[in-house]
Amino acid sequence: MLQAALRSGAAQRRSVFEVFTRRLPDGRRYGVLAGTGRVLDAVEDFRFTSPQLDWLADQNVVDEATLRFLADYRFTGDIHGYAEGEVYFPGSPVLTVEGSFAEAVILETVILSILNHDSAIAAAASRMTSAAGGRPCIEMGARRAHEGAAVAAARAAYIAGFAATSDLEAGFTHGIPTTGTAAHAFTLLHDSERDAFTAQIDSMGRGTTLLVDTYDLAEAVRTAVEVAGPTLGAVRIDSGDLTLLAHRVRRQLDELGADKTRIIVTSDLDEYAIAALAAAPVDGYGVGTSLVTGSGHPTCAMVYKLVARAATPDGPLVPVAKRSAGGKSSVGDRKWAARPLDAEGVAEAEVVGTGPVPGELEPHLLHVPLITAGEVVGREPLAAARERHLRARAALPLSATQLSKGEPVLATELRIAAAEGVPA
């Protein structure tokens, strides 16, 4: 596309691209935008190196004129959109990219790959932290994902309310709190479970978490308290009927005087398993596979569509839209988005429109500037996105956090200023 547009002369036409999804995954009531901060870093650093350009030339991927354009590539346009951590709905314009066609079109894959991955993780994580009801969730999925995706997943989960991660690289890169426990291999390494617990306590102190289901659970709990004393920090259960075992372990710990020792459960937890444990004496959840793999977070299906372009480099923008069957049409023109609240602070609708913004909706606009004239202006601490998500989720109707299947909790209301002129 870039090479052909450069040759035709259309590459420098001012263009507006929009990121949105046409629908939420089945059963989801809202989406969560995550990855915006990583998008800003990616766009800021988007360059083509000499080895990459040499490879493109050797493989005859593009011609000499396109190679010259890529060698000098810098994004000089504007990006605005929903702030990271916000919730979204079908049709929400979560990101708008404006610049020349040439510099904007080439960002499609990097933007979508980040937003689709991170937002899918964050949506799953939000459901889990909601189901946890205030009990902490720990991200433990690094061994189930690509090494880069594992770090991104920990970041997205933290935005959606997870308390910590077991991935030290994520802690180093993003400042996320880190925590972890020993694996079964550590117990199996030693001559006895007592020896393993003693070694861990001697090294980590009595506040550590001991894994107690390698052999006999009741015997392990008894040994753990004998070794660490009643001030043992926590025990972890990783298999079996977690509800039943949590009750048994809580009773046993209390009888042994370790009434402050916490119980952490793991073992392929998802939001449904977490919800089922609501009445169990559990103090925290370690979540891995169901958070970071595709089975746990269905795709957001975000797309990157051209919605307006100028006929000449300096001409006015003209709305353009895709007209196709199968539910894949789009709505042309640059859009604004607002989420008005009722008298009790509960969101009423997702209003998406073109043209002037109605005065009553201006206080509720969702877009913020992210990149202006090629310079990042919207970078913020990760904690800000985390706090924003918790506020946004709390402002949704109560049915948003139900795990039963249902429609999006807010309807998307389109307000089109005028009939769209879509060139043939």
Protein backbone atom coordinates (compact mmCIF):
# COMPACT_ATOMS: atom_id res chain seq x y z
CA MET A 1 0.00 0.00 0.00
CA LEU A 2 2.76 2.42 0.92
CA GLN A 3 4.75 1.83 -2.27
CA ALA A 4 1.70 2.19 -4.50
CA ALA A 5 0.51 5.33 -2.69
CA LEU A 6 3.95 6.90 -3.00
CA ARG A 7 3.92 6.19 -6.72
CA SER A 8 0.39 7.51 -7.25
CA GLY A 9 0.99 10.67 -5.27
CA ALA A 10 -1.71 9.90 -2.67
CA ALA A 11 0.72 9.00 0.12
CA GLN A 12 0.88 12.56 1.44
CA ARG A 13 -2.88 13.02 1.72
CA ARG A 14 -3.88 13.91 5.26
CA SER A 15 -5.64 10.85 6.72
CA VAL A 16 -7.46 9.80 9.87
CA PHE A 17 -7.35 6.18 11.05
CA GLU A 18 -9.47 4.86 13.89
CA VAL A 19 -9.08 1.84 16.17
CA PHE A 20 -12.31 0.22 17.35
CA THR A 21 -14.00 -3.13 17.73
CA ARG A 22 -17.33 -4.06 16.20
CA ARG A 23 -18.32 -6.40 19.01
CA LEU A 24 -17.22 -7.70 22.37
CA PRO A 25 -16.39 -11.38 22.90
CA ASP A 26 -19.41 -13.53 23.73
CA GLY A 27 -20.60 -12.95 27.26
CA ARG A 28 -18.42 -9.92 27.94
CA ARG A 29 -20.20 -6.83 29.27
CA TYR A 30 -17.35 -4.33 28.70
CA GLY A 31 -13.83 -4.14 27.32
CA VAL A 32 -10.71 -2.70 28.97
CA LEU A 33 -8.21 -0.61 27.02
CA ALA A 34 -4.63 -1.53 27.85
CA GLY A 35 -1.35 -1.13 26.00
CA THR A 36 -1.66 2.58 25.25
CA GLY A 37 1.59 3.40 27.03
CA ARG A 38 3.37 0.68 25.07
CA VAL A 39 1.90 2.07 21.85
CA LEU A 40 3.38 5.48 22.63
CA ASP A 41 6.81 3.93 23.18
CA ALA A 42 6.51 1.89 19.98
CA VAL A 43 5.49 4.86 17.81
CA GLU A 44 8.19 7.07 19.31
CA ASP A 45 10.84 4.43 18.57
CA PHE A 46 9.47 3.29 15.20
CA ARG A 47 12.49 3.25 12.85
CA PHE A 48 13.91 1.12 10.08
CA THR A 49 17.53 0.05 10.61
CA SER A 50 20.09 -0.35 7.86
CA PRO A 51 20.04 -4.19 8.11
CA GLN A 52 16.25 -4.17 7.85
CA LEU A 53 16.33 -1.88 4.81
CA ASP A 54 19.02 -4.05 3.22
CA TRP A 55 16.83 -7.12 3.73
CA LEU A 56 13.79 -5.39 2.19
CA ALA A 57 15.95 -4.49 -0.80
CA ASP A 58 17.48 -7.97 -1.14
CA GLN A 59 14.04 -9.60 -1.01
CA ASN A 60 12.58 -7.10 -3.49
CA VAL A 61 9.79 -6.29 -1.05
CA VAL A 62 9.68 -2.59 -1.96
CA ASP A 63 11.27 -0.30 -4.54
CA GLU A 64 14.02 2.31 -4.12
CA ALA A 65 11.63 5.22 -3.56
CA THR A 66 9.92 3.36 -0.74
CA LEU A 67 13.25 2.40 0.81
CA ARG A 68 14.24 6.08 0.86
CA PHE A 69 10.97 6.95 2.58
CA LEU A 70 11.44 4.21 5.18
CA ALA A 71 15.04 5.24 5.87
CA ASP A 72 13.84 8.68 7.01
CA TYR A 73 10.61 7.53 8.65
CA ARG A 74 9.43 9.47 11.69
CA PHE A 75 5.82 9.80 12.79
CA THR A 76 5.03 13.54 12.82
CA GLY A 77 1.26 13.36 13.17
CA ASP A 78 -1.22 13.35 16.06
CA ILE A 79 -2.70 10.54 18.12
CA HIS A 80 -5.50 10.88 20.63
CA GLY A 81 -7.82 8.35 22.22
CA TYR A 82 -9.21 6.83 25.38
CA ALA A 83 -6.82 7.00 28.31
CA GLU A 84 -5.28 3.67 29.28
CA GLY A 85 -7.38 1.68 31.74
CA GLU A 86 -10.67 3.06 30.43
CA VAL A 87 -13.49 0.68 29.57
CA TYR A 88 -14.89 0.59 26.05
CA PHE A 89 -17.79 -0.84 24.03
CA PRO A 90 -18.54 -1.81 20.41
CA GLY A 91 -17.83 1.17 18.19
CA SER A 92 -15.83 3.09 20.79
CA PRO A 93 -13.06 4.99 18.92
CA VAL A 94 -10.36 3.99 21.39
CA LEU A 95 -7.51 5.43 19.32
CA THR A 96 -7.38 7.98 16.48
CA VAL A 97 -4.23 8.39 14.37
CA GLU A 98 -3.94 11.44 12.11
CA GLY A 99 -1.13 12.23 9.69
CA SER A 100 -0.21 11.60 6.11
CA PHE A 101 -1.46 8.31 4.72
CA ALA A 102 2.14 7.14 4.35
CA GLU A 103 3.17 7.70 7.95
CA ALA A 104 -0.10 6.51 9.49
CA VAL A 105 -0.83 3.38 7.47
CA ILE A 106 2.49 1.78 8.33
CA LEU A 107 1.66 1.84 12.05
CA GLU A 108 -1.38 -0.44 11.71
CA THR A 109 0.22 -3.73 12.68
CA VAL A 110 2.28 -2.49 15.60
CA ILE A 111 -0.66 -0.60 17.10
CA LEU A 112 -3.14 -3.45 16.69
CA SER A 113 -0.74 -6.12 17.92
CA ILE A 114 -0.20 -4.21 21.17
CA LEU A 115 -3.77 -3.08 21.81
CA ASN A 116 -5.41 -6.39 20.88
CA HIS A 117 -3.08 -8.40 23.12
CA ASP A 118 -2.96 -6.11 26.12
CA SER A 119 -6.66 -5.22 26.08
CA ALA A 120 -7.65 -8.88 25.92
CA ILE A 121 -5.48 -9.63 28.96
CA ALA A 122 -6.83 -6.61 30.84
CA ALA A 123 -10.47 -7.54 30.15
CA ALA A 124 -9.90 -11.04 31.55
CA ALA A 125 -7.97 -9.64 34.51
CA SER A 126 -10.74 -7.15 35.28
CA ARG A 127 -13.30 -9.96 35.47
CA MET A 128 -10.99 -11.89 37.79
CA THR A 129 -10.26 -9.03 40.16
CA SER A 130 -13.97 -8.20 40.26
CA ALA A 131 -14.80 -11.83 41.11
CA ALA A 132 -12.08 -11.82 43.79
CA GLY A 133 -14.03 -9.23 45.76
CA GLY A 134 -11.05 -7.39 47.19
CA ARG A 135 -8.82 -10.42 47.75
CA PRO A 136 -5.51 -9.95 45.92
CA CYS A 137 -4.78 -11.67 42.61
CA ILE A 138 -1.20 -12.48 41.65
CA GLU A 139 -0.20 -12.78 37.97
CA MET A 140 1.76 -16.03 37.49
CA GLY A 141 1.51 -16.73 33.76
CA ALA A 142 5.06 -16.18 32.50
CA ARG A 143 5.68 -19.89 31.83
CA ARG A 144 2.60 -20.07 29.61
CA ALA A 145 3.44 -17.23 27.21
CA HIS A 146 6.11 -15.88 24.88
CA GLU A 147 8.72 -14.12 26.99
CA GLY A 148 7.84 -10.66 25.64
CA ALA A 149 4.11 -11.31 25.87
CA ALA A 150 4.53 -12.47 29.46
CA VAL A 151 5.89 -9.08 30.50
CA ALA A 152 3.15 -7.26 28.60
CA ALA A 153 0.53 -9.53 30.19
CA ALA A 154 1.78 -8.72 33.68
CA ARG A 155 1.54 -5.01 32.86
CA ALA A 156 -2.01 -5.31 31.52
CA ALA A 157 -3.13 -7.42 34.48
CA TYR A 158 -1.75 -4.85 36.91
CA ILE A 159 -3.76 -2.10 35.19
CA ALA A 160 -6.90 -4.20 35.67
CA GLY A 161 -6.34 -4.65 39.39
CA PHE A 162 -3.88 -7.52 39.92
CA ALA A 163 -1.79 -6.85 43.00
CA ALA A 164 1.54 -8.31 41.90
CA THR A 165 3.36 -10.52 39.41
CA SER A 166 5.80 -13.40 39.71
CA ASP A 167 7.67 -12.14 36.60
CA LEU A 168 10.75 -10.24 37.77
CA GLU A 169 11.31 -8.78 34.31
CA ALA A 170 7.87 -7.17 34.52
CA GLY A 171 8.78 -5.77 37.91
CA PHE A 172 12.07 -4.43 36.58
CA THR A 173 10.58 -2.95 33.40
CA HIS A 174 7.29 -1.56 34.68
CA GLY A 175 7.70 -1.22 38.45
CA ILE A 176 5.00 -3.78 39.23
CA PRO A 177 5.19 -5.33 42.73
CA THR A 178 6.66 -8.83 42.58
CA THR A 179 6.06 -11.91 44.67
CA GLY A 180 6.30 -15.68 44.34
CA THR A 181 6.62 -19.04 46.07
CA ALA A 182 8.72 -22.17 45.74
CA ALA A 183 7.66 -24.87 43.29
CA HIS A 184 7.18 -28.58 43.96
CA ALA A 185 10.70 -29.15 42.61
CA PHE A 186 12.15 -27.39 45.65
CA THR A 187 10.40 -29.79 48.01
CA LEU A 188 11.32 -32.82 45.90
CA LEU A 189 14.97 -31.73 45.89
CA HIS A 190 15.30 -32.17 49.64
CA ASP A 191 15.38 -35.41 51.61
CA SER A 192 12.18 -34.50 53.43
CA GLU A 193 9.48 -31.88 53.38
CA ARG A 194 10.73 -30.65 56.74
CA ASP A 195 14.18 -30.08 55.29
CA ALA A 196 12.68 -28.11 52.39
CA PHE A 197 10.57 -25.92 54.68
CA THR A 198 13.52 -25.35 57.02
CA ALA A 199 15.74 -24.27 54.13
CA GLN A 200 13.12 -21.86 52.83
CA ILE A 201 12.42 -20.37 56.26
CA ASP A 202 16.13 -19.99 57.03
CA SER A 203 16.62 -18.17 53.74
CA MET A 204 13.42 -16.14 53.36
CA GLY A 205 12.19 -15.68 56.92
CA ARG A 206 8.93 -16.67 58.59
CA GLY A 207 6.85 -14.37 56.38
CA THR A 208 7.39 -16.58 53.33
CA THR A 209 4.75 -18.77 51.65
CA LEU A 210 5.22 -22.55 51.86
CA LEU A 211 3.81 -24.91 49.24
CA VAL A 212 2.01 -27.62 51.21
CA ASP A 213 0.47 -30.06 48.73
CA THR A 214 3.47 -32.00 47.44
CA TYR A 215 2.72 -35.06 49.57
CA ASP A 216 0.16 -35.21 52.39
CA LEU A 217 -1.53 -31.85 52.89
CA ALA A 218 -2.42 -32.14 56.58
CA GLU A 219 1.04 -33.41 57.50
CA ALA A 220 2.64 -30.59 55.48
CA VAL A 221 0.61 -27.92 57.25
CA ARG A 222 1.56 -29.38 60.62
CA THR A 223 5.23 -29.48 59.65
CA ALA A 224 5.12 -25.95 58.26
CA VAL A 225 3.84 -24.52 61.53
CA GLU A 226 6.31 -26.59 63.56
CA VAL A 227 9.20 -25.21 61.46
CA ALA A 228 8.07 -21.61 61.10
CA GLY A 229 5.98 -21.17 64.20
CA PRO A 230 2.54 -19.54 64.37
CA THR A 231 3.78 -16.42 62.55
CA LEU A 232 4.21 -18.26 59.23
CA GLY A 233 3.24 -15.87 56.45
CA ALA A 234 1.19 -18.11 54.17
CA VAL A 235 0.67 -21.56 52.73
CA ARG A 236 -0.13 -22.31 49.10
CA ILE A 237 -2.51 -25.02 47.82
CA ASP A 238 -2.03 -25.92 44.16
CA SER A 239 -4.28 -28.93 43.52
CA GLY A 240 -7.44 -30.75 44.51
CA ASP A 241 -10.83 -29.46 45.58
CA LEU A 242 -9.69 -25.98 46.57
CA THR A 243 -12.89 -25.04 48.39
CA LEU A 244 -12.87 -28.16 50.58
CA LEU A 245 -9.12 -28.06 51.17
CA ALA A 246 -9.10 -24.36 52.04
CA HIS A 247 -11.67 -24.97 54.79
CA ARG A 248 -9.66 -27.90 56.14
CA VAL A 249 -6.39 -26.01 56.09
CA ARG A 250 -7.92 -22.93 57.71
CA ARG A 251 -9.32 -25.05 60.53
CA GLN A 252 -6.01 -26.82 61.01
CA LEU A 253 -3.99 -23.59 61.00
CA ASP A 254 -6.30 -22.05 63.58
CA GLU A 255 -6.03 -25.13 65.80
CA LEU A 256 -2.23 -24.90 65.58
CA GLY A 257 -2.30 -21.25 66.65
CA ALA A 258 -1.41 -19.91 63.19
CA ASP A 259 -4.62 -17.95 62.88
CA LYS A 260 -2.88 -15.11 60.96
CA THR A 261 -1.27 -17.41 58.39
CA ARG A 262 -2.83 -16.68 55.00
CA ILE A 263 -4.02 -19.27 52.44
CA ILE A 264 -3.09 -18.73 48.80
CA VAL A 265 -4.62 -20.94 46.10
CA THR A 266 -3.42 -21.58 42.55
CA SER A 267 -4.15 -24.32 39.97
CA ASP A 268 -5.51 -23.01 36.62
CA LEU A 269 -7.87 -20.49 38.17
CA ASP A 270 -10.17 -18.32 36.07
CA GLU A 271 -12.91 -15.83 37.00
CA TYR A 272 -15.47 -18.61 37.44
CA ALA A 273 -13.24 -20.62 39.79
CA ILE A 274 -12.41 -17.46 41.72
CA ALA A 275 -16.10 -16.63 42.08
CA ALA A 276 -16.80 -20.17 43.27
CA LEU A 277 -14.23 -19.69 46.03
CA ALA A 278 -15.90 -16.53 47.35
CA ALA A 279 -17.19 -18.29 50.48
CA ALA A 280 -13.96 -20.22 51.10
CA PRO A 281 -11.35 -19.00 53.63
CA VAL A 282 -8.93 -17.95 50.88
CA ASP A 283 -6.71 -14.88 51.17
CA GLY A 284 -5.36 -14.60 47.63
CA TYR A 285 -5.31 -16.15 44.17
CA GLY A 286 -2.40 -16.98 41.87
CA VAL A 287 -3.55 -16.90 38.26
CA GLY A 288 -1.55 -17.98 35.22
CA THR A 289 -2.78 -20.05 32.30
CA SER A 290 -6.33 -18.71 32.12
CA LEU A 291 -5.07 -15.13 32.16
CA VAL A 292 -2.28 -15.19 29.58
CA THR A 293 -3.45 -17.81 27.07
CA GLY A 294 -6.06 -17.40 24.33
CA SER A 295 -8.51 -19.72 26.04
CA GLY A 296 -8.77 -17.29 28.92
CA HIS A 297 -8.88 -14.03 26.98
CA PRO A 298 -10.78 -14.16 23.68
CA THR A 299 -9.59 -11.62 21.13
CA CYS A 300 -10.77 -8.04 21.24
CA ALA A 301 -10.94 -8.04 17.41
CA MET A 302 -9.84 -4.41 17.24
CA VAL A 303 -9.40 -3.02 13.72
CA TYR A 304 -7.58 0.00 12.24
CA LYS A 305 -9.71 1.71 9.63
CA LEU A 306 -9.36 4.83 7.49
CA VAL A 307 -12.34 7.07 8.33
CA ALA A 308 -11.36 10.35 6.65
CA ARG A 309 -8.83 11.67 4.13
CA ALA A 310 -8.10 14.79 2.17
CA ALA A 311 -8.22 14.95 -1.63
CA THR A 312 -5.01 16.99 -1.64
CA PRO A 313 -2.20 17.29 0.94
CA ASP A 314 -3.69 20.52 2.33
CA GLY A 315 -7.35 19.99 1.43
CA PRO A 316 -10.29 19.46 3.80
CA LEU A 317 -10.95 16.04 5.25
CA VAL A 318 -13.62 13.95 3.51
CA PRO A 319 -15.34 11.10 5.42
CA VAL A 320 -14.73 7.64 3.96
CA ALA A 321 -16.23 4.33 5.06
CA LYS A 322 -16.19 0.69 4.18
CA ARG A 323 -19.48 -0.67 2.80
CA SER A 324 -19.49 -4.43 2.90
CA ALA A 325 -21.68 -7.33 3.94
CA GLY A 326 -21.16 -9.56 6.95
CA GLY A 327 -21.18 -6.84 9.58
CA LYS A 328 -17.85 -5.38 8.49
CA SER A 329 -18.97 -1.93 7.41
CA SER A 330 -17.53 1.16 9.12
CA VAL A 331 -18.71 4.68 9.93
CA GLY A 332 -16.77 7.50 8.30
CA ASP A 333 -15.39 10.75 9.73
CA ARG A 334 -13.31 11.67 12.75
CA LYS A 335 -15.26 10.92 15.92
CA TRP A 336 -15.54 12.06 19.49
CA ALA A 337 -16.78 9.90 22.37
CA ALA A 338 -18.48 10.72 25.65
CA ARG A 339 -19.92 8.74 28.56
CA PRO A 340 -22.54 10.76 30.45
CA LEU A 341 -23.34 9.85 34.05
CA ASP A 342 -26.64 9.91 35.89
CA ALA A 343 -27.25 11.76 39.16
CA GLU A 344 -25.65 8.91 41.13
CA GLY A 345 -22.51 8.83 38.98
CA VAL A 346 -23.44 5.71 37.03
CA ALA A 347 -22.68 5.63 33.30
CA GLU A 348 -25.77 5.88 31.11
CA ALA A 349 -24.48 5.28 27.55
CA GLU A 350 -21.46 5.35 25.26
CA VAL A 351 -22.13 8.26 22.92
CA VAL A 352 -20.02 8.36 19.74
CA GLY A 353 -20.47 11.19 17.28
CA THR A 354 -19.12 13.34 14.47
CA GLY A 355 -19.14 17.09 14.07
CA PRO A 356 -19.57 19.54 16.97
CA VAL A 357 -19.78 18.11 20.48
CA PRO A 358 -23.07 18.92 22.25
CA GLY A 359 -22.42 21.21 25.19
CA GLU A 360 -23.94 18.83 27.73
CA LEU A 361 -21.51 16.10 26.70
CA GLU A 362 -18.30 18.13 26.81
CA PRO A 363 -17.64 17.37 30.52
CA HIS A 364 -17.87 13.66 29.73
CA LEU A 365 -15.54 13.43 26.71
CA LEU A 366 -13.22 10.43 26.76
CA HIS A 367 -10.45 11.32 24.31
CA VAL A 368 -7.16 12.73 25.57
CA PRO A 369 -4.11 13.87 23.54
CA LEU A 370 -1.41 11.23 23.34
CA ILE A 371 0.96 12.39 20.58
CA THR A 372 1.00 15.92 19.14
CA ALA A 373 3.06 16.76 16.04
CA GLY A 374 5.07 13.60 16.59
CA GLU A 375 5.87 14.31 20.25
CA VAL A 376 4.51 12.13 23.05
CA VAL A 377 2.34 14.22 25.38
CA GLY A 378 0.23 11.54 27.04
CA ARG A 379 2.75 9.38 28.86
CA GLU A 380 1.78 8.67 32.47
CA PRO A 381 2.72 6.37 35.37
CA LEU A 382 1.25 2.88 35.26
CA ALA A 383 -0.48 3.57 38.58
CA ALA A 384 -2.59 6.26 36.89
CA ALA A 385 -4.00 3.75 34.40
CA ARG A 386 -4.66 1.28 37.22
CA GLU A 387 -6.56 3.86 39.27
CA ARG A 388 -8.49 5.00 36.19
CA HIS A 389 -9.66 1.49 35.45
CA LEU A 390 -10.95 0.92 38.95
CA ARG A 391 -12.88 4.23 38.75
CA ALA A 392 -14.26 3.47 35.29
CA ARG A 393 -15.40 -0.03 36.28
CA ALA A 394 -17.00 1.28 39.46
CA ALA A 395 -19.01 3.79 37.41
CA LEU A 396 -20.62 1.08 35.26
CA PRO A 397 -24.04 -0.37 36.09
CA LEU A 398 -23.84 -3.23 38.59
CA SER A 399 -24.65 -5.82 35.92
CA ALA A 400 -21.25 -5.13 34.32
CA THR A 401 -19.52 -7.50 36.74
CA GLN A 402 -21.92 -10.41 36.31
CA LEU A 403 -20.20 -13.50 34.92
CA SER A 404 -23.32 -14.83 33.21
CA LYS A 405 -23.59 -14.23 29.48
CA GLY A 406 -25.16 -10.97 28.43
CA GLU A 407 -25.00 -7.96 26.16
CA PRO A 408 -22.63 -4.99 26.64
CA VAL A 409 -23.70 -3.16 29.77
CA LEU A 410 -23.84 0.16 27.89
CA ALA A 411 -25.40 0.71 24.48
CA THR A 412 -23.34 2.65 21.93
CA GLU A 413 -25.31 5.64 20.67
CA LEU A 414 -24.18 7.06 17.30
CA ARG A 415 -24.70 10.76 16.58
CA ILE A 416 -23.74 11.48 12.97
CA ALA A 417 -23.61 15.20 12.22
CA ALA A 418 -24.40 14.96 8.51
CA ALA A 419 -24.78 12.43 5.72
CA GLU A 420 -21.46 10.86 4.83
CA GLY A 421 -19.95 11.43 1.44
CA VAL A 422 -18.20 8.21 0.60
CA PRO A 423 -16.23 8.41 -2.66
CA ALA A 424 -16.78 5.58 -5.07
